[in-house]
Amino acid sequence: MAEQAGGDSACPECDDLKVKLAAALNIGDRSKAVDYRVLLRRHPHHDDTPIASERKHP
């Protein structure tokens, strides 16, 4: 599994993509956010683990 206890990623590439995803969401760049989610899903550590959406529902 890609996640260690405590939710910390075991992969520096995953960590980098998550930081970039958060930054894209913070500036409202939804296109880039989708790109980073796709990259996270395609990363070998995520073959069977979906990446949770950061979307907030009212």
PDB file of N, CA and C in Angstrom:
ATOM      1  N   MET A   1       0.852  -1.179   0.000  1.00  0.00           N
ATOM      2  CA  MET A   1       0.000   0.000   0.000  1.00  0.00           C
ATOM      3  C   MET A   1       0.889   1.230   0.000  1.00  0.00           C
ATOM      4  N   ALA A   2       0.439   2.298  -0.641  1.00  0.00           N
ATOM      5  CA  ALA A   2       1.255   3.503  -0.779  1.00  0.00           C
ATOM      6  C   ALA A   2       1.271   4.348   0.477  1.00  0.00           C
ATOM      7  N   GLU A   3       0.282   4.214   1.318  1.00  0.00           N
ATOM      8  CA  GLU A   3       0.201   5.040   2.520  1.00  0.00           C
ATOM      9  C   GLU A   3       0.745   4.289   3.737  1.00  0.00           C
ATOM     10  N   GLN A   4       1.516   4.989   4.531  1.00  0.00           N
ATOM     11  CA  GLN A   4       1.992   4.433   5.784  1.00  0.00           C
ATOM     12  C   GLN A   4       1.021   4.823   6.884  1.00  0.00           C
ATOM     13  N   ALA A   5       1.205   4.253   8.069  1.00  0.00           N
ATOM     14  CA  ALA A   5       0.370   4.637   9.210  1.00  0.00           C
ATOM     15  C   ALA A   5       0.495   6.132   9.433  1.00  0.00           C
ATOM     16  N   GLY A   6      -0.604   6.790   9.734  1.00  0.00           N
ATOM     17  CA  GLY A   6      -0.585   8.226   9.945  1.00  0.00           C
ATOM     18  C   GLY A   6      -0.872   9.011   8.689  1.00  0.00           C
ATOM     19  N   GLY A   7      -1.047   8.315   7.542  1.00  0.00           N
ATOM     20  CA  GLY A   7      -1.409   8.983   6.308  1.00  0.00           C
ATOM     21  C   GLY A   7      -0.241   9.563   5.534  1.00  0.00           C
ATOM     22  N   ASP A   8       0.993   9.358   5.981  1.00  0.00           N
ATOM     23  CA  ASP A   8       2.145   9.869   5.255  1.00  0.00           C
ATOM     24  C   ASP A   8       2.467   8.946   4.089  1.00  0.00           C
ATOM     25  N   SER A   9       2.755   9.552   2.942  1.00  0.00           N
ATOM     26  CA  SER A   9       3.072   8.779   1.757  1.00  0.00           C
ATOM     27  C   SER A   9       4.487   8.220   1.865  1.00  0.00           C
ATOM     28  N   ALA A  10       4.660   7.021   1.326  1.00  0.00           N
ATOM     29  CA  ALA A  10       5.979   6.402   1.309  1.00  0.00           C
ATOM     30  C   ALA A  10       6.750   6.809   0.064  1.00  0.00           C
ATOM     31  N   CYS A  11       6.141   7.619  -0.801  1.00  0.00           N
ATOM     32  CA  CYS A  11       6.735   7.944  -2.093  1.00  0.00           C
ATOM     33  C   CYS A  11       6.920   9.458  -2.238  1.00  0.00           C
ATOM     34  N   PRO A  12       8.145   9.909  -2.467  1.00  0.00           N
ATOM     35  CA  PRO A  12       8.380  11.341  -2.640  1.00  0.00           C
ATOM     36  C   PRO A  12       7.652  11.911  -3.861  1.00  0.00           C
ATOM     37  N   GLU A  13       7.517  11.126  -4.925  1.00  0.00           N
ATOM     38  CA  GLU A  13       6.805  11.599  -6.113  1.00  0.00           C
ATOM     39  C   GLU A  13       5.328  11.838  -5.796  1.00  0.00           C
ATOM     40  N   CYS A  14       4.727  10.930  -5.029  1.00  0.00           N
ATOM     41  CA  CYS A  14       3.331  11.100  -4.607  1.00  0.00           C
ATOM     42  C   CYS A  14       3.190  12.373  -3.774  1.00  0.00           C
ATOM     43  N   ASP A  15       4.114  12.568  -2.854  1.00  0.00           N
ATOM     44  CA  ASP A  15       4.075  13.757  -2.000  1.00  0.00           C
ATOM     45  C   ASP A  15       4.139  15.031  -2.843  1.00  0.00           C
ATOM     46  N   ASP A  16       5.027  15.045  -3.836  1.00  0.00           N
ATOM     47  CA  ASP A  16       5.176  16.204  -4.701  1.00  0.00           C
ATOM     48  C   ASP A  16       3.887  16.462  -5.491  1.00  0.00           C
ATOM     49  N   LEU A  17       3.298  15.403  -6.036  1.00  0.00           N
ATOM     50  CA  LEU A  17       2.056  15.556  -6.793  1.00  0.00           C
ATOM     51  C   LEU A  17       0.912  16.052  -5.899  1.00  0.00           C
ATOM     52  N   LYS A  18       0.863  15.585  -4.655  1.00  0.00           N
ATOM     53  CA  LYS A  18      -0.180  16.034  -3.724  1.00  0.00           C
ATOM     54  C   LYS A  18      -0.024  17.506  -3.380  1.00  0.00           C
ATOM     55  N   VAL A  19       1.213  17.970  -3.230  1.00  0.00           N
ATOM     56  CA  VAL A  19       1.472  19.383  -2.955  1.00  0.00           C
ATOM     57  C   VAL A  19       1.037  20.225  -4.155  1.00  0.00           C
ATOM     58  N   LYS A  20       1.376  19.773  -5.356  1.00  0.00           N
ATOM     59  CA  LYS A  20       0.997  20.501  -6.563  1.00  0.00           C
ATOM     60  C   LYS A  20      -0.525  20.493  -6.748  1.00  0.00           C
ATOM     61  N   LEU A  21      -1.178  19.382  -6.417  1.00  0.00           N
ATOM     62  CA  LEU A  21      -2.633  19.310  -6.485  1.00  0.00           C
ATOM     63  C   LEU A  21      -3.254  20.331  -5.535  1.00  0.00           C
ATOM     64  N   ALA A  22      -2.777  20.378  -4.313  1.00  0.00           N
ATOM     65  CA  ALA A  22      -3.303  21.322  -3.329  1.00  0.00           C
ATOM     66  C   ALA A  22      -3.092  22.762  -3.793  1.00  0.00           C
ATOM     67  N   ALA A  23      -1.930  23.061  -4.371  1.00  0.00           N
ATOM     68  CA  ALA A  23      -1.651  24.412  -4.846  1.00  0.00           C
ATOM     69  C   ALA A  23      -2.598  24.786  -5.984  1.00  0.00           C
ATOM     70  N   ALA A  24      -2.844  23.857  -6.899  1.00  0.00           N
ATOM     71  CA  ALA A  24      -3.762  24.119  -8.008  1.00  0.00           C
ATOM     72  C   ALA A  24      -5.172  24.384  -7.486  1.00  0.00           C
ATOM     73  N   LEU A  25      -5.599  23.614  -6.501  1.00  0.00           N
ATOM     74  CA  LEU A  25      -6.920  23.822  -5.917  1.00  0.00           C
ATOM     75  C   LEU A  25      -7.002  25.168  -5.206  1.00  0.00           C
ATOM     76  N   ASN A  26      -5.936  25.561  -4.522  1.00  0.00           N
ATOM     77  CA  ASN A  26      -5.920  26.831  -3.789  1.00  0.00           C
ATOM     78  C   ASN A  26      -6.041  28.044  -4.701  1.00  0.00           C
ATOM     79  N   ILE A  27      -5.484  27.945  -5.914  1.00  0.00           N
ATOM     80  CA  ILE A  27      -5.572  29.079  -6.831  1.00  0.00           C
ATOM     81  C   ILE A  27      -6.766  28.952  -7.779  1.00  0.00           C
ATOM     82  N   GLY A  28      -7.504  27.868  -7.637  1.00  0.00           N
ATOM     83  CA  GLY A  28      -8.710  27.688  -8.451  1.00  0.00           C
ATOM     84  C   GLY A  28      -8.451  27.158  -9.847  1.00  0.00           C
ATOM     85  N   ASP A  29      -7.283  26.574 -10.080  1.00  0.00           N
ATOM     86  CA  ASP A  29      -6.950  26.018 -11.396  1.00  0.00           C
ATOM     87  C   ASP A  29      -7.444  24.579 -11.465  1.00  0.00           C
ATOM     88  N   ARG A  30      -8.715  24.434 -11.830  1.00  0.00           N
ATOM     89  CA  ARG A  30      -9.341  23.121 -11.823  1.00  0.00           C
ATOM     90  C   ARG A  30      -8.751  22.192 -12.883  1.00  0.00           C
ATOM     91  N   SER A  31      -8.307  22.753 -13.993  1.00  0.00           N
ATOM     92  CA  SER A  31      -7.703  21.949 -15.057  1.00  0.00           C
ATOM     93  C   SER A  31      -6.419  21.280 -14.564  1.00  0.00           C
ATOM     94  N   LYS A  32      -5.564  22.071 -13.921  1.00  0.00           N
ATOM     95  CA  LYS A  32      -4.313  21.511 -13.378  1.00  0.00           C
ATOM     96  C   LYS A  32      -4.615  20.499 -12.280  1.00  0.00           C
ATOM     97  N   ALA A  33      -5.621  20.771 -11.459  1.00  0.00           N
ATOM     98  CA  ALA A  33      -5.985  19.851 -10.388  1.00  0.00           C
ATOM     99  C   ALA A  33      -6.373  18.492 -10.962  1.00  0.00           C
ATOM    100  N   VAL A  34      -7.146  18.503 -12.038  1.00  0.00           N
ATOM    101  CA  VAL A  34      -7.520  17.246 -12.691  1.00  0.00           C
ATOM    102  C   VAL A  34      -6.273  16.542 -13.211  1.00  0.00           C
ATOM    103  N   ASP A  35      -5.366  17.300 -13.819  1.00  0.00           N
ATOM    104  CA  ASP A  35      -4.125  16.703 -14.323  1.00  0.00           C
ATOM    105  C   ASP A  35      -3.352  16.000 -13.210  1.00  0.00           C
ATOM    106  N   TYR A  36      -3.238  16.652 -12.046  1.00  0.00           N
ATOM    107  CA  TYR A  36      -2.492  16.051 -10.942  1.00  0.00           C
ATOM    108  C   TYR A  36      -3.214  14.836 -10.373  1.00  0.00           C
ATOM    109  N   ARG A  37      -4.543  14.864 -10.340  1.00  0.00           N
ATOM    110  CA  ARG A  37      -5.283  13.688  -9.880  1.00  0.00           C
ATOM    111  C   ARG A  37      -5.047  12.495 -10.811  1.00  0.00           C
ATOM    112  N   VAL A  38      -5.025  12.775 -12.129  1.00  0.00           N
ATOM    113  CA  VAL A  38      -4.768  11.714 -13.105  1.00  0.00           C
ATOM    114  C   VAL A  38      -3.370  11.152 -12.900  1.00  0.00           C
ATOM    115  N   LEU A  39      -2.389  12.023 -12.724  1.00  0.00           N
ATOM    116  CA  LEU A  39      -1.018  11.555 -12.508  1.00  0.00           C
ATOM    117  C   LEU A  39      -0.917  10.707 -11.236  1.00  0.00           C
ATOM    118  N   LEU A  40      -1.616  11.118 -10.185  1.00  0.00           N
ATOM    119  CA  LEU A  40      -1.606  10.332  -8.951  1.00  0.00           C
ATOM    120  C   LEU A  40      -2.247   8.964  -9.172  1.00  0.00           C
ATOM    121  N   ARG A  41      -3.348   8.927  -9.899  1.00  0.00           N
ATOM    122  CA  ARG A  41      -4.021   7.647 -10.149  1.00  0.00           C
ATOM    123  C   ARG A  41      -3.187   6.735 -11.016  1.00  0.00           C
ATOM    124  N   ARG A  42      -2.443   7.304 -11.942  1.00  0.00           N
ATOM    125  CA  ARG A  42      -1.619   6.502 -12.852  1.00  0.00           C
ATOM    126  C   ARG A  42      -0.302   6.066 -12.223  1.00  0.00           C
ATOM    127  N   HIS A  43       0.067   6.698 -11.147  1.00  0.00           N
ATOM    128  CA  HIS A  43       1.320   6.345 -10.470  1.00  0.00           C
ATOM    129  C   HIS A  43       1.238   4.899 -10.006  1.00  0.00           C
ATOM    130  N   PRO A  44       2.312   4.137 -10.117  1.00  0.00           N
ATOM    131  CA  PRO A  44       2.275   2.704  -9.787  1.00  0.00           C
ATOM    132  C   PRO A  44       1.715   2.372  -8.408  1.00  0.00           C
ATOM    133  N   HIS A  45       1.882   3.244  -7.433  1.00  0.00           N
ATOM    134  CA  HIS A  45       1.392   2.974  -6.086  1.00  0.00           C
ATOM    135  C   HIS A  45      -0.116   3.109  -5.974  1.00  0.00           C
ATOM    136  N   HIS A  46      -0.780   3.590  -7.033  1.00  0.00           N
ATOM    137  CA  HIS A  46      -2.208   3.854  -6.958  1.00  0.00           C
ATOM    138  C   HIS A  46      -3.027   2.974  -7.895  1.00  0.00           C
ATOM    139  N   ASP A  47      -2.471   1.851  -8.298  1.00  0.00           N
ATOM    140  CA  ASP A  47      -3.180   0.974  -9.221  1.00  0.00           C
ATOM    141  C   ASP A  47      -4.520   0.517  -8.675  1.00  0.00           C
ATOM    142  N   ASP A  48      -4.621   0.314  -7.378  1.00  0.00           N
ATOM    143  CA  ASP A  48      -5.872  -0.185  -6.800  1.00  0.00           C
ATOM    144  C   ASP A  48      -6.445   0.743  -5.736  1.00  0.00           C
ATOM    145  N   THR A  49      -5.871   1.944  -5.597  1.00  0.00           N
ATOM    146  CA  THR A  49      -6.323   2.869  -4.564  1.00  0.00           C
ATOM    147  C   THR A  49      -6.749   4.187  -5.197  1.00  0.00           C
ATOM    148  N   PRO A  50      -8.039   4.518  -5.175  1.00  0.00           N
ATOM    149  CA  PRO A  50      -8.475   5.779  -5.755  1.00  0.00           C
ATOM    150  C   PRO A  50      -8.005   6.969  -4.916  1.00  0.00           C
ATOM    151  N   ILE A  51      -7.786   8.085  -5.580  1.00  0.00           N
ATOM    152  CA  ILE A  51      -7.403   9.311  -4.903  1.00  0.00           C
ATOM    153  C   ILE A  51      -8.684  10.048  -4.536  1.00  0.00           C
ATOM    154  N   ALA A  52      -8.818  10.386  -3.290  1.00  0.00           N
ATOM    155  CA  ALA A  52     -10.031  11.051  -2.807  1.00  0.00           C
ATOM    156  C   ALA A  52     -10.145  12.436  -3.443  1.00  0.00           C
ATOM    157  N   SER A  53     -11.351  12.801  -3.747  1.00  0.00           N
ATOM    158  CA  SER A  53     -11.628  14.125  -4.299  1.00  0.00           C
ATOM    159  C   SER A  53     -11.498  15.166  -3.199  1.00  0.00           C
ATOM    160  N   GLU A  54     -10.992  16.327  -3.558  1.00  0.00           N
ATOM    161  CA  GLU A  54     -10.875  17.437  -2.616  1.00  0.00           C
ATOM    162  C   GLU A  54     -12.123  18.314  -2.683  1.00  0.00           C
ATOM    163  N   ARG A  55     -13.069  17.929  -3.514  1.00  0.00           N
ATOM    164  CA  ARG A  55     -14.274  18.737  -3.734  1.00  0.00           C
ATOM    165  C   ARG A  55     -15.113  18.839  -2.472  1.00  0.00           C
ATOM    166  N   LYS A  56     -15.546  20.037  -2.192  1.00  0.00           N
ATOM    167  CA  LYS A  56     -16.390  20.285  -1.025  1.00  0.00           C
ATOM    168  C   LYS A  56     -17.825  20.423  -1.510  1.00  0.00           C
ATOM    169  N   HIS A  57     -18.714  19.628  -0.953  1.00  0.00           N
ATOM    170  CA  HIS A  57     -20.128  19.702  -1.315  1.00  0.00           C
ATOM    171  C   HIS A  57     -20.878  20.545  -0.284  1.00  0.00           C
ATOM    172  N   PRO A  58     -21.752  21.456  -0.767  1.00  0.00           N
ATOM    173  CA  PRO A  58     -22.497  22.309   0.176  1.00  0.00           C
ATOM    174  C   PRO A  58     -23.503  21.532   0.978  1.00  0.00           C
TER     175      PRO A  58
END
